[in-house]
Amino acid sequence: MIQQMLPMIVPVVLNFLQSGASTAGGGNSVLSTFLDSDGDGDVDI
């Protein structure tokens, strides 16, 4: 069931990350925060 749900879950996670993209092109603060996590568990979708 989870594997069948992955095609829905992954785009939703990516959509959340897209919110920080600049409308003029350039950086994405939300994506940067998500990726630059130090692994301490503070960043959780």
All heavy atoms as atom14 arrays in JSON, in Angstrom:
{
  "sequence": "MIQQMLPMIVPVVLNFLQSGASTAGGGNSVLSTFLDSDGDGDVDI",
  "atom14_mask": [
    [1, 1, 1, 1, 1, 1, 1, 1, 0, 0, 0, 0, 0, 0],
    [1, 1, 1, 1, 1, 1, 1, 1, 0, 0, 0, 0, 0, 0],
    [1, 1, 1, 1, 1, 1, 1, 1, 1, 0, 0, 0, 0, 0],
    [1, 1, 1, 1, 1, 1, 1, 1, 1, 0, 0, 0, 0, 0],
    [1, 1, 1, 1, 1, 1, 1, 1, 0, 0, 0, 0, 0, 0],
    [1, 1, 1, 1, 1, 1, 1, 1, 0, 0, 0, 0, 0, 0],
    [1, 1, 1, 1, 1, 1, 1, 0, 0, 0, 0, 0, 0, 0],
    [1, 1, 1, 1, 1, 1, 1, 1, 0, 0, 0, 0, 0, 0],
    [1, 1, 1, 1, 1, 1, 1, 1, 0, 0, 0, 0, 0, 0],
    [1, 1, 1, 1, 1, 1, 1, 0, 0, 0, 0, 0, 0, 0],
    [1, 1, 1, 1, 1, 1, 1, 0, 0, 0, 0, 0, 0, 0],
    [1, 1, 1, 1, 1, 1, 1, 0, 0, 0, 0, 0, 0, 0],
    [1, 1, 1, 1, 1, 1, 1, 0, 0, 0, 0, 0, 0, 0],
    [1, 1, 1, 1, 1, 1, 1, 1, 0, 0, 0, 0, 0, 0],
    [1, 1, 1, 1, 1, 1, 1, 1, 0, 0, 0, 0, 0, 0],
    [1, 1, 1, 1, 1, 1, 1, 1, 1, 1, 1, 0, 0, 0],
    [1, 1, 1, 1, 1, 1, 1, 1, 0, 0, 0, 0, 0, 0],
    [1, 1, 1, 1, 1, 1, 1, 1, 1, 0, 0, 0, 0, 0],
    [1, 1, 1, 1, 1, 1, 0, 0, 0, 0, 0, 0, 0, 0],
    [1, 1, 1, 1, 0, 0, 0, 0, 0, 0, 0, 0, 0, 0],
    [1, 1, 1, 1, 1, 0, 0, 0, 0, 0, 0, 0, 0, 0],
    [1, 1, 1, 1, 1, 1, 0, 0, 0, 0, 0, 0, 0, 0],
    [1, 1, 1, 1, 1, 1, 1, 0, 0, 0, 0, 0, 0, 0],
    [1, 1, 1, 1, 1, 0, 0, 0, 0, 0, 0, 0, 0, 0],
    [1, 1, 1, 1, 0, 0, 0, 0, 0, 0, 0, 0, 0, 0],
    [1, 1, 1, 1, 0, 0, 0, 0, 0, 0, 0, 0, 0, 0],
    [1, 1, 1, 1, 0, 0, 0, 0, 0, 0, 0, 0, 0, 0],
    [1, 1, 1, 1, 1, 1, 1, 1, 0, 0, 0, 0, 0, 0],
    [1, 1, 1, 1, 1, 1, 0, 0, 0, 0, 0, 0, 0, 0],
    [1, 1, 1, 1, 1, 1, 1, 0, 0, 0, 0, 0, 0, 0],
    [1, 1, 1, 1, 1, 1, 1, 1, 0, 0, 0, 0, 0, 0],
    [1, 1, 1, 1, 1, 1, 0, 0, 0, 0, 0, 0, 0, 0],
    [1, 1, 1, 1, 1, 1, 1, 0, 0, 0, 0, 0, 0, 0],
    [1, 1, 1, 1, 1, 1, 1, 1, 1, 1, 1, 0, 0, 0],
    [1, 1, 1, 1, 1, 1, 1, 1, 0, 0, 0, 0, 0, 0],
    [1, 1, 1, 1, 1, 1, 1, 1, 0, 0, 0, 0, 0, 0],
    [1, 1, 1, 1, 1, 1, 0, 0, 0, 0, 0, 0, 0, 0],
    [1, 1, 1, 1, 1, 1, 1, 1, 0, 0, 0, 0, 0, 0],
    [1, 1, 1, 1, 0, 0, 0, 0, 0, 0, 0, 0, 0, 0],
    [1, 1, 1, 1, 1, 1, 1, 1, 0, 0, 0, 0, 0, 0],
    [1, 1, 1, 1, 0, 0, 0, 0, 0, 0, 0, 0, 0, 0],
    [1, 1, 1, 1, 1, 1, 1, 1, 0, 0, 0, 0, 0, 0],
    [1, 1, 1, 1, 1, 1, 1, 0, 0, 0, 0, 0, 0, 0],
    [1, 1, 1, 1, 1, 1, 1, 1, 0, 0, 0, 0, 0, 0],
    [1, 1, 1, 1, 1, 1, 1, 1, 0, 0, 0, 0, 0, 0]
  ],
  "atom14_positions": [
    [[0.84, -1.2, 0.0], [0.0, 0.0, 0.0], [0.88, 1.25, 0.0], [0.63, 2.19, -0.75], [-0.93, 0.01, 1.22], [-1.52, 1.35, 1.53], [-3.22, 1.68, 1.09], [-4.13, 0.28, 1.55], [0.0, 0.0, 0.0], [0.0, 0.0, 0.0], [0.0, 0.0, 0.0], [0.0, 0.0, 0.0], [0.0, 0.0, 0.0], [0.0, 0.0, 0.0]],
    [[1.92, 1.25, 0.83], [2.82, 2.41, 0.89], [3.52, 2.59, -0.46], [3.62, 3.71, -0.96], [3.82, 2.27, 2.04], [3.08, 2.33, 3.38], [4.9, 3.36, 1.96], [3.9, 1.99, 4.59], [0.0, 0.0, 0.0], [0.0, 0.0, 0.0], [0.0, 0.0, 0.0], [0.0, 0.0, 0.0], [0.0, 0.0, 0.0], [0.0, 0.0, 0.0]],
    [[3.98, 1.49, -1.05], [4.65, 1.61, -2.34], [3.7, 2.17, -3.4], [4.11, 2.98, -4.24], [5.22, 0.27, -2.79], [6.17, 0.43, -3.96], [7.12, -0.74, -4.12], [7.12, -1.68, -3.31], [7.94, -0.69, -5.14], [0.0, 0.0, 0.0], [0.0, 0.0, 0.0], [0.0, 0.0, 0.0], [0.0, 0.0, 0.0], [0.0, 0.0, 0.0]],
    [[2.43, 1.79, -3.34], [1.44, 2.35, -4.27], [1.19, 3.83, -4.0], [0.81, 4.57, -4.92], [0.13, 1.58, -4.17], [0.2, 0.17, -4.71], [-1.06, -0.63, -4.43], [-2.06, -0.09, -3.95], [-1.02, -1.92, -4.71], [0.0, 0.0, 0.0], [0.0, 0.0, 0.0], [0.0, 0.0, 0.0], [0.0, 0.0, 0.0], [0.0, 0.0, 0.0]],
    [[1.4, 4.27, -2.76], [1.17, 5.67, -2.39], [2.37, 6.56, -2.73], [2.22, 7.79, -2.8], [0.87, 5.78, -0.89], [-0.48, 5.21, -0.53], [-0.85, 5.07, 1.25], [0.1, 6.29, 2.04], [0.0, 0.0, 0.0], [0.0, 0.0, 0.0], [0.0, 0.0, 0.0], [0.0, 0.0, 0.0], [0.0, 0.0, 0.0], [0.0, 0.0, 0.0]],
    [[3.56, 6.0, -2.95], [4.75, 6.8, -3.21], [4.56, 7.81, -4.36], [5.0, 8.96, -4.23], [5.98, 5.92, -3.46], [6.55, 5.2, -2.24], [7.72, 4.31, -2.66], [6.97, 6.18, -1.16], [0.0, 0.0, 0.0], [0.0, 0.0, 0.0], [0.0, 0.0, 0.0], [0.0, 0.0, 0.0], [0.0, 0.0, 0.0], [0.0, 0.0, 0.0]],
    [[3.91, 7.44, -5.48], [3.73, 8.44, -6.55], [2.87, 9.63, -6.13], [2.89, 10.66, -6.8], [3.04, 7.64, -7.67], [3.45, 6.23, -7.43], [3.51, 6.1, -5.92], [0.0, 0.0, 0.0], [0.0, 0.0, 0.0], [0.0, 0.0, 0.0], [0.0, 0.0, 0.0], [0.0, 0.0, 0.0], [0.0, 0.0, 0.0], [0.0, 0.0, 0.0]],
    [[2.14, 9.53, -5.04], [1.38, 10.66, -4.51], [2.18, 11.39, -3.44], [2.19, 12.62, -3.39], [0.04, 10.15, -3.94], [-0.88, 11.23, -3.48], [-1.52, 12.16, -4.88], [-2.36, 13.47, -4.01], [0.0, 0.0, 0.0], [0.0, 0.0, 0.0], [0.0, 0.0, 0.0], [0.0, 0.0, 0.0], [0.0, 0.0, 0.0], [0.0, 0.0, 0.0]],
    [[2.85, 10.64, -2.59], [3.58, 11.24, -1.46], [4.76, 12.08, -1.95], [4.94, 13.22, -1.5], [4.07, 10.15, -0.48], [2.88, 9.45, 0.17], [4.99, 10.75, 0.57], [3.25, 8.22, 0.99], [0.0, 0.0, 0.0], [0.0, 0.0, 0.0], [0.0, 0.0, 0.0], [0.0, 0.0, 0.0], [0.0, 0.0, 0.0], [0.0, 0.0, 0.0]],
    [[5.57, 11.54, -2.85], [6.79, 12.25, -3.26], [6.49, 13.6, -3.9], [7.09, 14.61, -3.52], [7.67, 11.35, -4.17], [8.82, 12.14, -4.78], [8.21, 10.16, -3.36], [0.0, 0.0, 0.0], [0.0, 0.0, 0.0], [0.0, 0.0, 0.0], [0.0, 0.0, 0.0], [0.0, 0.0, 0.0], [0.0, 0.0, 0.0], [0.0, 0.0, 0.0]],
    [[5.52, 13.71, -4.85], [5.22, 15.04, -5.39], [4.73, 16.04, -4.33], [5.03, 17.23, -4.41], [4.13, 14.78, -6.43], [4.32, 13.36, -6.83], [4.8, 12.66, -5.58], [0.0, 0.0, 0.0], [0.0, 0.0, 0.0], [0.0, 0.0, 0.0], [0.0, 0.0, 0.0], [0.0, 0.0, 0.0], [0.0, 0.0, 0.0], [0.0, 0.0, 0.0]],
    [[3.99, 15.54, -3.34], [3.51, 16.42, -2.27], [4.68, 16.94, -1.43], [4.75, 18.13, -1.12], [2.45, 15.7, -1.38], [2.18, 16.46, -0.1], [1.17, 15.49, -2.17], [0.0, 0.0, 0.0], [0.0, 0.0, 0.0], [0.0, 0.0, 0.0], [0.0, 0.0, 0.0], [0.0, 0.0, 0.0], [0.0, 0.0, 0.0], [0.0, 0.0, 0.0]],
    [[5.63, 16.07, -1.11], [6.83, 16.51, -0.38], [7.58, 17.54, -1.22], [7.98, 18.6, -0.71], [7.74, 15.31, -0.02], [9.09, 15.79, 0.52], [7.05, 14.4, 0.99], [0.0, 0.0, 0.0], [0.0, 0.0, 0.0], [0.0, 0.0, 0.0], [0.0, 0.0, 0.0], [0.0, 0.0, 0.0], [0.0, 0.0, 0.0], [0.0, 0.0, 0.0]],
    [[7.76, 17.28, -2.5], [8.46, 18.21, -3.38], [7.7, 19.53, -3.51], [8.3, 20.6, -3.6], [8.71, 17.58, -4.75], [9.61, 16.35, -4.76], [9.69, 15.77, -6.17], [10.99, 16.65, -4.21], [0.0, 0.0, 0.0], [0.0, 0.0, 0.0], [0.0, 0.0, 0.0], [0.0, 0.0, 0.0], [0.0, 0.0, 0.0], [0.0, 0.0, 0.0]],
    [[6.36, 19.46, -3.49], [5.54, 20.67, -3.57], [5.78, 21.54, -2.34], [5.87, 22.77, -2.43], [4.06, 20.28, -3.69], [3.19, 21.43, -4.14], [3.65, 22.52, -4.45], [1.9, 21.18, -4.18], [0.0, 0.0, 0.0], [0.0, 0.0, 0.0], [0.0, 0.0, 0.0], [0.0, 0.0, 0.0], [0.0, 0.0, 0.0], [0.0, 0.0, 0.0]],
    [[5.88, 20.92, -1.19], [6.18, 21.65, 0.04], [7.52, 22.38, -0.12], [7.66, 23.55, 0.24], [6.26, 20.66, 1.21], [5.59, 21.15, 2.44], [4.27, 20.83, 2.68], [6.26, 21.9, 3.37], [3.63, 21.25, 3.83], [5.64, 22.34, 4.52], [4.32, 22.02, 4.75], [0.0, 0.0, 0.0], [0.0, 0.0, 0.0], [0.0, 0.0, 0.0]],
    [[8.51, 21.68, -0.68], [9.84, 22.26, -0.85], [9.85, 23.37, -1.9], [10.64, 24.3, -1.82], [10.84, 21.17, -1.23], [11.0, 20.05, -0.2], [11.94, 18.98, -0.73], [11.47, 20.59, 1.14], [0.0, 0.0, 0.0], [0.0, 0.0, 0.0], [0.0, 0.0, 0.0], [0.0, 0.0, 0.0], [0.0, 0.0, 0.0], [0.0, 0.0, 0.0]],
    [[8.95, 23.28, -2.87], [8.88, 24.27, -3.95], [8.45, 25.64, -3.42], [8.74, 26.66, -4.04], [7.92, 23.78, -5.03], [7.74, 24.69, -6.22], [9.0, 24.81, -7.08], [9.95, 24.05, -6.93], [9.02, 25.77, -7.95], [0.0, 0.0, 0.0], [0.0, 0.0, 0.0], [0.0, 0.0, 0.0], [0.0, 0.0, 0.0], [0.0, 0.0, 0.0]],
    [[7.78, 25.68, -2.28], [7.24, 26.95, -1.77], [8.3, 28.02, -1.58], [8.01, 29.21, -1.66], [6.48, 26.72, -0.46], [7.36, 26.3, 0.56], [0.0, 0.0, 0.0], [0.0, 0.0, 0.0], [0.0, 0.0, 0.0], [0.0, 0.0, 0.0], [0.0, 0.0, 0.0], [0.0, 0.0, 0.0], [0.0, 0.0, 0.0], [0.0, 0.0, 0.0]],
    [[9.55, 27.63, -1.35], [10.6, 28.62, -1.11], [11.3, 29.11, -2.34], [12.19, 29.97, -2.27], [0.0, 0.0, 0.0], [0.0, 0.0, 0.0], [0.0, 0.0, 0.0], [0.0, 0.0, 0.0], [0.0, 0.0, 0.0], [0.0, 0.0, 0.0], [0.0, 0.0, 0.0], [0.0, 0.0, 0.0], [0.0, 0.0, 0.0], [0.0, 0.0, 0.0]],
    [[10.92, 28.6, -3.52], [11.59, 29.01, -4.76], [11.27, 30.47, -5.07], [10.14, 30.94, -4.89], [11.16, 28.11, -5.91], [0.0, 0.0, 0.0], [0.0, 0.0, 0.0], [0.0, 0.0, 0.0], [0.0, 0.0, 0.0], [0.0, 0.0, 0.0], [0.0, 0.0, 0.0], [0.0, 0.0, 0.0], [0.0, 0.0, 0.0], [0.0, 0.0, 0.0]],
    [[12.26, 31.16, -5.55], [12.1, 32.55, -5.95], [11.24, 32.63, -7.2], [11.38, 31.82, -8.11], [13.48, 33.16, -6.22], [13.34, 34.43, -6.81], [0.0, 0.0, 0.0], [0.0, 0.0, 0.0], [0.0, 0.0, 0.0], [0.0, 0.0, 0.0], [0.0, 0.0, 0.0], [0.0, 0.0, 0.0], [0.0, 0.0, 0.0], [0.0, 0.0, 0.0]],
    [[10.36, 33.63, -7.25], [9.53, 33.82, -8.44], [10.36, 34.38, -9.59], [9.96, 34.29, -10.74], [8.34, 34.76, -8.16], [8.85, 35.99, -7.64], [7.38, 34.13, -7.17], [0.0, 0.0, 0.0], [0.0, 0.0, 0.0], [0.0, 0.0, 0.0], [0.0, 0.0, 0.0], [0.0, 0.0, 0.0], [0.0, 0.0, 0.0], [0.0, 0.0, 0.0]],
    [[11.51, 34.95, -9.29], [12.37, 35.55, -10.32], [13.53, 34.63, -10.69], [14.46, 35.05, -11.35], [12.89, 36.89, -9.82], [0.0, 0.0, 0.0], [0.0, 0.0, 0.0], [0.0, 0.0, 0.0], [0.0, 0.0, 0.0], [0.0, 0.0, 0.0], [0.0, 0.0, 0.0], [0.0, 0.0, 0.0], [0.0, 0.0, 0.0], [0.0, 0.0, 0.0]],
    [[13.48, 33.4, -10.24], [14.61, 32.49, -10.47], [15.63, 32.68, -9.37], [15.63, 33.68, -8.67], [0.0, 0.0, 0.0], [0.0, 0.0, 0.0], [0.0, 0.0, 0.0], [0.0, 0.0, 0.0], [0.0, 0.0, 0.0], [0.0, 0.0, 0.0], [0.0, 0.0, 0.0], [0.0, 0.0, 0.0], [0.0, 0.0, 0.0], [0.0, 0.0, 0.0]],
    [[16.48, 31.72, -9.2], [17.47, 31.84, -8.14], [17.24, 30.84, -7.04], [16.78, 29.74, -7.28], [0.0, 0.0, 0.0], [0.0, 0.0, 0.0], [0.0, 0.0, 0.0], [0.0, 0.0, 0.0], [0.0, 0.0, 0.0], [0.0, 0.0, 0.0], [0.0, 0.0, 0.0], [0.0, 0.0, 0.0], [0.0, 0.0, 0.0], [0.0, 0.0, 0.0]],
    [[17.54, 31.22, -5.81], [17.55, 30.31, -4.68], [16.19, 29.85, -4.21], [15.15, 30.32, -4.65], [0.0, 0.0, 0.0], [0.0, 0.0, 0.0], [0.0, 0.0, 0.0], [0.0, 0.0, 0.0], [0.0, 0.0, 0.0], [0.0, 0.0, 0.0], [0.0, 0.0, 0.0], [0.0, 0.0, 0.0], [0.0, 0.0, 0.0], [0.0, 0.0, 0.0]],
    [[16.24, 28.91, -3.27], [15.03, 28.35, -2.66], [15.35, 28.12, -1.19], [16.0, 27.15, -0.83], [14.65, 27.04, -3.36], [13.4, 26.41, -2.79], [13.09, 26.57, -1.62], [12.69, 25.66, -3.62], [0.0, 0.0, 0.0], [0.0, 0.0, 0.0], [0.0, 0.0, 0.0], [0.0, 0.0, 0.0], [0.0, 0.0, 0.0], [0.0, 0.0, 0.0]],
    [[14.88, 29.03, -0.34], [15.22, 28.99, 1.09], [14.66, 27.74, 1.78], [15.31, 27.17, 2.66], [14.7, 30.25, 1.79], [13.3, 30.36, 1.64], [0.0, 0.0, 0.0], [0.0, 0.0, 0.0], [0.0, 0.0, 0.0], [0.0, 0.0, 0.0], [0.0, 0.0, 0.0], [0.0, 0.0, 0.0], [0.0, 0.0, 0.0], [0.0, 0.0, 0.0]],
    [[13.48, 27.3, 1.39], [12.88, 26.12, 2.02], [13.68, 24.87, 1.66], [14.02, 24.07, 2.53], [11.39, 25.97, 1.63], [10.81, 24.66, 2.14], [10.58, 27.15, 2.15], [0.0, 0.0, 0.0], [0.0, 0.0, 0.0], [0.0, 0.0, 0.0], [0.0, 0.0, 0.0], [0.0, 0.0, 0.0], [0.0, 0.0, 0.0], [0.0, 0.0, 0.0]],
    [[14.01, 24.73, 0.39], [14.81, 23.59, -0.06], [16.18, 23.6, 0.61], [16.66, 22.56, 1.07], [14.95, 23.6, -1.58], [15.75, 22.47, -2.21], [15.14, 21.11, -1.89], [15.84, 22.67, -3.72], [0.0, 0.0, 0.0], [0.0, 0.0, 0.0], [0.0, 0.0, 0.0], [0.0, 0.0, 0.0], [0.0, 0.0, 0.0], [0.0, 0.0, 0.0]],
    [[16.8, 24.76, 0.71], [18.11, 24.86, 1.36], [18.05, 24.44, 2.82], [18.92, 23.69, 3.29], [18.65, 26.29, 1.26], [18.9, 26.63, -0.07], [0.0, 0.0, 0.0], [0.0, 0.0, 0.0], [0.0, 0.0, 0.0], [0.0, 0.0, 0.0], [0.0, 0.0, 0.0], [0.0, 0.0, 0.0], [0.0, 0.0, 0.0], [0.0, 0.0, 0.0]],
    [[17.02, 24.89, 3.53], [16.86, 24.5, 4.93], [16.66, 22.99, 5.05], [17.26, 22.34, 5.9], [15.66, 25.24, 5.56], [15.92, 26.64, 5.52], [15.43, 24.81, 7.0], [0.0, 0.0, 0.0], [0.0, 0.0, 0.0], [0.0, 0.0, 0.0], [0.0, 0.0, 0.0], [0.0, 0.0, 0.0], [0.0, 0.0, 0.0], [0.0, 0.0, 0.0]],
    [[15.85, 22.43, 4.17], [15.57, 21.0, 4.17], [16.84, 20.19, 3.92], [17.11, 19.22, 4.61], [14.52, 20.71, 3.11], [14.01, 19.29, 3.07], [13.22, 18.79, 4.09], [14.29, 18.47, 1.99], [12.72, 17.49, 4.04], [13.8, 17.17, 1.93], [13.02, 16.68, 2.96], [0.0, 0.0, 0.0], [0.0, 0.0, 0.0], [0.0, 0.0, 0.0]],
    [[17.65, 20.61, 2.96], [18.84, 19.85, 2.58], [20.02, 20.08, 3.52], [20.86, 19.2, 3.67], [19.27, 20.2, 1.15], [18.31, 19.75, 0.07], [18.83, 20.18, -1.29], [18.08, 18.25, 0.11], [0.0, 0.0, 0.0], [0.0, 0.0, 0.0], [0.0, 0.0, 0.0], [0.0, 0.0, 0.0], [0.0, 0.0, 0.0], [0.0, 0.0, 0.0]],
    [[20.08, 21.24, 4.14], [21.22, 21.56, 4.99], [21.04, 21.09, 6.42], [21.81, 21.44, 7.3], [21.5, 23.07, 4.98], [22.05, 23.52, 3.65], [22.54, 22.68, 2.89], [21.99, 24.73, 3.37], [0.0, 0.0, 0.0], [0.0, 0.0, 0.0], [0.0, 0.0, 0.0], [0.0, 0.0, 0.0], [0.0, 0.0, 0.0], [0.0, 0.0, 0.0]],
    [[20.05, 20.25, 6.65], [19.83, 19.7, 7.97], [21.08, 18.99, 8.45], [21.76, 18.31, 7.69], [18.66, 18.7, 7.93], [18.6, 17.98, 9.11], [0.0, 0.0, 0.0], [0.0, 0.0, 0.0], [0.0, 0.0, 0.0], [0.0, 0.0, 0.0], [0.0, 0.0, 0.0], [0.0, 0.0, 0.0], [0.0, 0.0, 0.0], [0.0, 0.0, 0.0]],
    [[21.37, 19.15, 9.72], [22.56, 18.5, 10.27], [22.24, 17.1, 10.79], [23.04, 16.48, 11.47], [23.18, 19.35, 11.38], [22.21, 19.63, 12.51], [21.08, 19.09, 12.5], [22.58, 20.39, 13.41], [0.0, 0.0, 0.0], [0.0, 0.0, 0.0], [0.0, 0.0, 0.0], [0.0, 0.0, 0.0], [0.0, 0.0, 0.0], [0.0, 0.0, 0.0]],
    [[21.05, 16.61, 10.46], [20.69, 15.25, 10.84], [20.23, 15.11, 12.28], [20.11, 14.01, 12.79], [0.0, 0.0, 0.0], [0.0, 0.0, 0.0], [0.0, 0.0, 0.0], [0.0, 0.0, 0.0], [0.0, 0.0, 0.0], [0.0, 0.0, 0.0], [0.0, 0.0, 0.0], [0.0, 0.0, 0.0], [0.0, 0.0, 0.0], [0.0, 0.0, 0.0]],
    [[19.94, 16.23, 12.95], [19.54, 16.13, 14.35], [18.04, 15.91, 14.53], [17.54, 15.87, 15.64], [19.98, 17.38, 15.12], [19.28, 18.65, 14.66], [18.45, 18.59, 13.73], [19.56, 19.7, 15.25], [0.0, 0.0, 0.0], [0.0, 0.0, 0.0], [0.0, 0.0, 0.0], [0.0, 0.0, 0.0], [0.0, 0.0, 0.0], [0.0, 0.0, 0.0]],
    [[17.33, 15.76, 13.42], [15.9, 15.47, 13.5], [15.03, 16.7, 13.57], [13.81, 16.59, 13.65], [0.0, 0.0, 0.0], [0.0, 0.0, 0.0], [0.0, 0.0, 0.0], [0.0, 0.0, 0.0], [0.0, 0.0, 0.0], [0.0, 0.0, 0.0], [0.0, 0.0, 0.0], [0.0, 0.0, 0.0], [0.0, 0.0, 0.0], [0.0, 0.0, 0.0]],
    [[15.62, 17.9, 13.55], [14.83, 19.12, 13.65], [14.03, 19.4, 12.38], [13.01, 20.06, 12.44], [15.73, 20.33, 13.94], [16.22, 20.34, 15.37], [15.68, 19.58, 16.2], [17.15, 21.09, 15.65], [0.0, 0.0, 0.0], [0.0, 0.0, 0.0], [0.0, 0.0, 0.0], [0.0, 0.0, 0.0], [0.0, 0.0, 0.0], [0.0, 0.0, 0.0]],
    [[14.52, 18.95, 11.25], [13.82, 19.19, 10.0], [13.02, 17.95, 9.66], [13.57, 16.91, 9.36], [14.83, 19.52, 8.87], [14.1, 19.69, 7.56], [15.61, 20.78, 9.22], [0.0, 0.0, 0.0], [0.0, 0.0, 0.0], [0.0, 0.0, 0.0], [0.0, 0.0, 0.0], [0.0, 0.0, 0.0], [0.0, 0.0, 0.0], [0.0, 0.0, 0.0]],
    [[11.71, 18.07, 9.75], [10.84, 16.94, 9.5], [9.64, 17.43, 8.71], [8.91, 18.3, 9.16], [10.4, 16.34, 10.84], [9.6, 15.07, 10.66], [8.6, 15.11, 9.9], [9.94, 14.06, 11.28], [0.0, 0.0, 0.0], [0.0, 0.0, 0.0], [0.0, 0.0, 0.0], [0.0, 0.0, 0.0], [0.0, 0.0, 0.0], [0.0, 0.0, 0.0]],
    [[9.46, 16.87, 7.53], [8.39, 17.31, 6.64], [7.01, 17.12, 7.28], [6.13, 17.95, 7.12], [8.5, 16.61, 5.26], [7.76, 17.4, 4.2], [8.03, 15.19, 5.31], [8.51, 18.58, 3.7], [0.0, 0.0, 0.0], [0.0, 0.0, 0.0], [0.0, 0.0, 0.0], [0.0, 0.0, 0.0], [0.0, 0.0, 0.0], [0.0, 0.0, 0.0]]
  ]
}
